[in-house]
C-alpha atoms as a PDB file:
ATOM      1  CA  MET A   1      26.941   1.984  16.928  1.00  0.00           C
ATOM      2  CA  THR A   2      25.255  -1.159  15.835  1.00  0.00           C
ATOM      3  CA  ARG A   3      22.759  -1.212  13.019  1.00  0.00           C
ATOM      4  CA  ALA A   4      19.733  -1.486  15.379  1.00  0.00           C
ATOM      5  CA  GLN A   5      20.904   1.274  17.552  1.00  0.00           C
ATOM      6  CA  VAL A   6      21.144   3.410  14.551  1.00  0.00           C
ATOM      7  CA  LYS A   7      17.561   2.493  13.382  1.00  0.00           C
ATOM      8  CA  ARG A   8      16.296   2.921  16.819  1.00  0.00           C
ATOM      9  CA  ARG A   9      17.706   6.468  16.960  1.00  0.00           C
ATOM     10  CA  LEU A  10      16.295   7.208  13.495  1.00  0.00           C
ATOM     11  CA  ALA A  11      12.966   5.993  14.786  1.00  0.00           C
ATOM     12  CA  ILE A  12      12.903   8.131  17.785  1.00  0.00           C
ATOM     13  CA  SER A  13      14.027  11.197  15.800  1.00  0.00           C
ATOM     14  CA  TRP A  14      10.928  10.545  13.451  1.00  0.00           C
ATOM     15  CA  TRP A  15       8.542  10.688  16.576  1.00  0.00           C
ATOM     16  CA  GLN A  16      10.531  13.926  17.583  1.00  0.00           C
ATOM     17  CA  TYR A  17       9.795  15.700  14.051  1.00  0.00           C
ATOM     18  CA  LEU A  18       6.246  14.589  14.574  1.00  0.00           C
ATOM     19  CA  ALA A  19       5.858  16.464  17.841  1.00  0.00           C
ATOM     20  CA  VAL A  20       7.794  19.462  16.314  1.00  0.00           C
ATOM     21  CA  ALA A  21       5.246  19.549  13.498  1.00  0.00           C
ATOM     22  CA  LEU A  22       2.057  19.392  15.491  1.00  0.00           C
ATOM     23  CA  ALA A  23       2.932  20.751  18.634  1.00  0.00           C
ATOM     24  CA  PRO A  24       2.660  24.451  17.483  1.00  0.00           C
ATOM     25  CA  LEU A  25      -0.615  23.895  15.863  1.00  0.00           C
ATOM     26  CA  LEU A  26      -2.235  22.468  19.203  1.00  0.00           C
ATOM     27  CA  VAL A  27      -0.613  25.053  21.429  1.00  0.00           C
ATOM     28  CA  PHE A  28      -1.651  28.125  19.055  1.00  0.00           C
ATOM     29  CA  ALA A  29      -5.168  26.661  18.702  1.00  0.00           C
ATOM     30  CA  TRP A  30      -5.519  26.175  22.384  1.00  0.00           C
ATOM     31  CA  ALA A  31      -3.979  29.272  23.476  1.00  0.00           C
ATOM     32  CA  PHE A  32      -5.254  31.753  20.689  1.00  0.00           C
ATOM     33  CA  GLY A  33      -7.983  29.927  19.017  1.00  0.00           C
ATOM     34  CA  GLY A  34     -10.754  31.914  20.661  1.00  0.00           C
ATOM     35  CA  LEU A  35      -9.412  35.463  19.750  1.00  0.00           C
ATOM     36  CA  GLN A  36     -10.635  37.560  17.100  1.00  0.00           C
ATOM     37  CA  ALA A  37      -8.821  36.989  13.745  1.00  0.00           C
ATOM     38  CA  LEU A  38      -6.110  39.522  13.029  1.00  0.00           C
ATOM     39  CA  ILE A  39      -6.483  39.677   9.200  1.00  0.00           C
ATOM     40  CA  PRO A  40      -9.299  37.371   8.156  1.00  0.00           C
ATOM     41  CA  ILE A  41      -8.971  38.006   4.281  1.00  0.00           C
ATOM     42  CA  LEU A  42      -5.620  36.023   4.684  1.00  0.00           C
ATOM     43  CA  ALA A  43      -7.362  32.831   5.595  1.00  0.00           C
ATOM     44  CA  MET A  44      -7.461  31.481   2.155  1.00  0.00           C
ATOM     45  CA  PRO A  45      -4.167  32.389   0.827  1.00  0.00           C
ATOM     46  CA  MET A  46      -2.676  30.839   4.037  1.00  0.00           C
ATOM     47  CA  PHE A  47      -4.194  27.460   3.285  1.00  0.00           C
ATOM     48  CA  ILE A  48      -3.174  27.806  -0.191  1.00  0.00           C
ATOM     49  CA  ALA A  49       0.464  28.611   1.057  1.00  0.00           C
ATOM     50  CA  GLY A  50       0.097  25.378   3.319  1.00  0.00           C
ATOM     51  CA  VAL A  51      -1.058  23.342   0.145  1.00  0.00           C
ATOM     52  CA  ALA A  52       1.701  24.652  -1.832  1.00  0.00           C
ATOM     53  CA  SER A  53       4.425  24.107   0.925  1.00  0.00           C
ATOM     54  CA  MET A  54       3.637  20.321   0.433  1.00  0.00           C
ATOM     55  CA  PHE A  55       5.295  20.385  -2.928  1.00  0.00           C
ATOM     56  CA  LEU A  56       8.695  21.884  -1.292  1.00  0.00           C
ATOM     57  CA  SER A  57       9.403  18.482  -0.062  1.00  0.00           C
ATOM     58  CA  LEU A  58       9.392  16.600  -3.209  1.00  0.00           C
ATOM     59  CA  PRO A  59      12.917  17.156  -4.339  1.00  0.00           C
ATOM     60  CA  ARG A  60      14.169  16.323  -0.861  1.00  0.00           C
ATOM     61  CA  PHE A  61      12.175  13.140  -0.834  1.00  0.00           C
ATOM     62  CA  GLY A  62      14.055  12.287  -4.186  1.00  0.00           C
ATOM     63  CA  GLY A  63      17.268  12.825  -2.336  1.00  0.00           C
ATOM     64  CA  TYR A  64      16.144  10.643   0.597  1.00  0.00           C
ATOM     65  CA  LYS A  65      15.288   7.772  -1.699  1.00  0.00           C
ATOM     66  CA  ARG A  66      18.529   7.925  -3.163  1.00  0.00           C
ATOM     67  CA  ALA A  67      20.208   7.874   0.125  1.00  0.00           C
ATOM     68  CA  LEU A  68      18.086   4.912   1.151  1.00  0.00           C
ATOM     69  CA  ILE A  69      19.464   3.022  -1.934  1.00  0.00           C
ATOM     70  CA  ALA A  70      22.907   4.108  -1.192  1.00  0.00           C
ATOM     71  CA  THR A  71      22.794   2.856   2.452  1.00  0.00           C
ATOM     72  CA  GLN A  72      21.077  -0.455   1.331  1.00  0.00           C
ATOM     73  CA  LYS A  73      24.119  -0.739  -1.214  1.00  0.00           C
ATOM     74  CA  SER A  74      26.631  -0.074   1.551  1.00  0.00           C
ATOM     75  CA  LEU A  75      25.394  -2.496   4.281  1.00  0.00           C
ATOM     76  CA  ASN A  76      28.060  -4.823   5.588  1.00  0.00           C
ATOM     77  CA  THR A  77      30.810  -2.659   4.181  1.00  0.00           C
ATOM     78  CA  ASP A  78      33.436  -0.110   5.368  1.00  0.00           C
ATOM     79  CA  ALA A  79      31.127   2.675   4.033  1.00  0.00           C
ATOM     80  CA  GLU A  80      28.001   1.576   6.202  1.00  0.00           C
ATOM     81  CA  PRO A  81      28.594   4.172   9.036  1.00  0.00           C
ATOM     82  CA  ALA A  82      29.087   7.121   6.499  1.00  0.00           C
ATOM     83  CA  ALA A  83      26.102   5.966   4.526  1.00  0.00           C
ATOM     84  CA  TRP A  84      23.831   6.085   7.675  1.00  0.00           C
ATOM     85  CA  ILE A  85      25.049   9.552   8.558  1.00  0.00           C
ATOM     86  CA  GLU A  86      24.262  10.722   5.164  1.00  0.00           C
ATOM     87  CA  LEU A  87      20.835   9.039   5.212  1.00  0.00           C
ATOM     88  CA  ALA A  88      20.207  10.841   8.654  1.00  0.00           C
ATOM     89  CA  ARG A  89      21.309  14.307   7.148  1.00  0.00           C
ATOM     90  CA  VAL A  90      19.137  13.945   4.097  1.00  0.00           C
ATOM     91  CA  ARG A  91      16.224  12.781   6.064  1.00  0.00           C
ATOM     92  CA  ARG A  92      16.517  15.568   8.615  1.00  0.00           C
ATOM     93  CA  ILE A  93      16.379  18.090   5.904  1.00  0.00           C
ATOM     94  CA  GLY A  94      13.474  16.245   4.170  1.00  0.00           C
ATOM     95  CA  MET A  95      11.441  16.130   7.406  1.00  0.00           C
ATOM     96  CA  LEU A  96      11.791  19.972   8.190  1.00  0.00           C
ATOM     97  CA  PHE A  97      10.261  20.630   4.846  1.00  0.00           C
ATOM     98  CA  ALA A  98       7.530  17.955   5.475  1.00  0.00           C
ATOM     99  CA  CYS A  99       6.835  19.941   8.601  1.00  0.00           C
ATOM    100  CA  LEU A 100       5.908  22.944   6.722  1.00  0.00           C
ATOM    101  CA  PRO A 101       2.225  22.419   6.176  1.00  0.00           C
ATOM    102  CA  ALA A 102       1.721  22.034   9.817  1.00  0.00           C
ATOM    103  CA  TRP A 103       3.528  25.206  10.560  1.00  0.00           C
ATOM    104  CA  VAL A 104       1.512  27.308   8.118  1.00  0.00           C
ATOM    105  CA  SER A 105      -1.624  25.672   9.684  1.00  0.00           C
ATOM    106  CA  ALA A 106      -0.302  26.794  12.977  1.00  0.00           C
ATOM    107  CA  LEU A 107       0.121  30.297  11.764  1.00  0.00           C
ATOM    108  CA  SER A 108      -3.166  30.485  10.183  1.00  0.00           C
ATOM    109  CA  VAL A 109      -4.837  30.306  13.633  1.00  0.00           C
ATOM    110  CA  PHE A 110      -3.949  33.945  13.908  1.00  0.00           C
ATOM    111  CA  VAL A 111      -5.945  34.931  10.495  1.00  0.00           C
ATOM    112  CA  GLY A 112      -9.066  32.920  11.364  1.00  0.00           C
ATOM    113  CA  LEU A 113      -8.634  29.728   9.039  1.00  0.00           C
ATOM    114  CA  GLU A 114     -11.349  27.348  10.219  1.00  0.00           C
ATOM    115  CA  ALA A 115     -10.612  24.068  12.020  1.00  0.00           C
ATOM    116  CA  VAL A 116     -10.982  21.862   9.014  1.00  0.00           C
ATOM    117  CA  PRO A 117      -8.407  23.126   6.895  1.00  0.00           C
ATOM    118  CA  GLN A 118      -6.058  23.200   9.414  1.00  0.00           C
ATOM    119  CA  ILE A 119      -6.450  19.755  10.293  1.00  0.00           C
ATOM    120  CA  LEU A 120      -6.044  18.893   6.652  1.00  0.00           C
ATOM    121  CA  LEU A 121      -2.755  20.760   6.700  1.00  0.00           C
ATOM    122  CA  ALA A 122      -1.680  18.954   9.904  1.00  0.00           C
ATOM    123  CA  ILE A 123      -2.625  15.456   8.237  1.00  0.00           C
ATOM    124  CA  SER A 124      -0.606  16.454   4.900  1.00  0.00           C
ATOM    125  CA  SER A 125       2.554  16.827   7.250  1.00  0.00           C
ATOM    126  CA  LEU A 126       1.869  13.690   9.117  1.00  0.00           C
ATOM    127  CA  VAL A 127       1.471  11.836   5.750  1.00  0.00           C
ATOM    128  CA  LEU A 128       4.822  13.581   4.438  1.00  0.00           C
ATOM    129  CA  LEU A 129       6.419  12.692   7.573  1.00  0.00           C
ATOM    130  CA  TYR A 130       5.228   9.055   7.069  1.00  0.00           C
ATOM    131  CA  LEU A 131       7.130   8.882   3.891  1.00  0.00           C
ATOM    132  CA  TYR A 132      10.407   9.475   5.933  1.00  0.00           C
ATOM    133  CA  ARG A 133      10.075   6.333   8.038  1.00  0.00           C
ATOM    134  CA  ILE A 134      13.109   3.990   7.568  1.00  0.00           C
ATOM    135  CA  PRO A 135      11.847   0.920   6.000  1.00  0.00           C
ATOM    136  CA  ARG A 136      12.063  -2.510   7.657  1.00  0.00           C
ATOM    137  CA  GLN A 137      13.702  -3.987   4.599  1.00  0.00           C
ATOM    138  CA  LEU A 138      16.556  -1.743   5.283  1.00  0.00           C
ATOM    139  CA  GLY A 139      19.080  -3.704   7.319  1.00  0.00           C
END
């Protein structure tokens, strides 16, 4: 596979993870948003859990940066395909952790969390996912 094909695949996977992060919130809000909250006392703890889940992606982002640097150093060498594979693996794990705030937001629909905190958690996932975009300077 050429470098452009790898970068295109990684870009497509980024959009897929964005959909995976935000789709549950949209579906749950549409399907269950009008229902009575199951345990309304858990709304604030769910929001706090969503905010705290942002910090779980910090160590993964450090690994992603190291993988980016290793990939940059391995360009035009025999180790380049392995570096791209390792970058994709580390990035995949990091993006899963970046989806956590939006997923907590989706679950918070059932406990009656208001729309504004849900949107804030979804935006935080969007920002975290944006950090995992492949920079143009690579390759």
